[in-house]
Amino acid sequence: MLHVDRIAKSSEIKTPPRPDKKNASPVLPKELTERAGEVIISVVVTRTGALRDVRVDRSTNSALNDACVKAVQLWKFTPASGYANQLLNVRLSVPFRFKVVETPRQEDQ
C-alpha cells in the first residue's frame, strides 16, 4: 500500500493526470512591458485531483511568474492512476511560453 502523501515515480504511472480543457491561461498585467519569456511551473496533483506545492521551477522573465502561478492554482485535474488502478500523487511540470507578436499597423495594410 502506498503512503497517502507519497509522490509516485514515473514508472508507477499508468495514466497521467489530465488537465481540464476549461483551464484558463495566465492573465498578464497590462502594465507589463516585457511579455516574452518562458516559465516552468512545478505542481503536485494529488490522488483527489487537488493541487499542492505550486512553485516556479525556472523562469526567463520573473515578471511573468505570478500570473502563471495564479493560473495553475485555479486549474482542475483528473488524478493519475497506477497499474493496480489506484489513484496516485504526481508531480508535473507545466511550461508556459510567451512571445511578442507584432501586429501590422493600419497604414502598413
Foldseek 3Di string as FASTA:
>chain_A
DDDQPDADDPVFFPFAKAWDPPQDAFDADPPDDDFFWKWKWKWKQGLVQAIDDTDTPDIPDVSCGVRRSVSVNPIGINFTAGPVRRGGIHMDIDMDGTDDDDDDDPVVD
